[in-house]
Amino acid sequence: MSITKLDFENHIVSGTFWFDAINEDGKLVEIREGRFDMNFTE
């Protein structure tokens, strides 16, 4: 995970993420280029 923006004035954190997971069939699933924007409180 990487934080790409941390806006203390508007209480927003943005970033990207990636991970590997195993699905219910036992196959590898690669999640790439995920992105998020979230509000936070101090």
Foldseek 3Di string as FASTA:
>chain_A
DDWPDQDPVQQKTKDWDWDWDADPVRDIDTGPGHIDIDGDDD
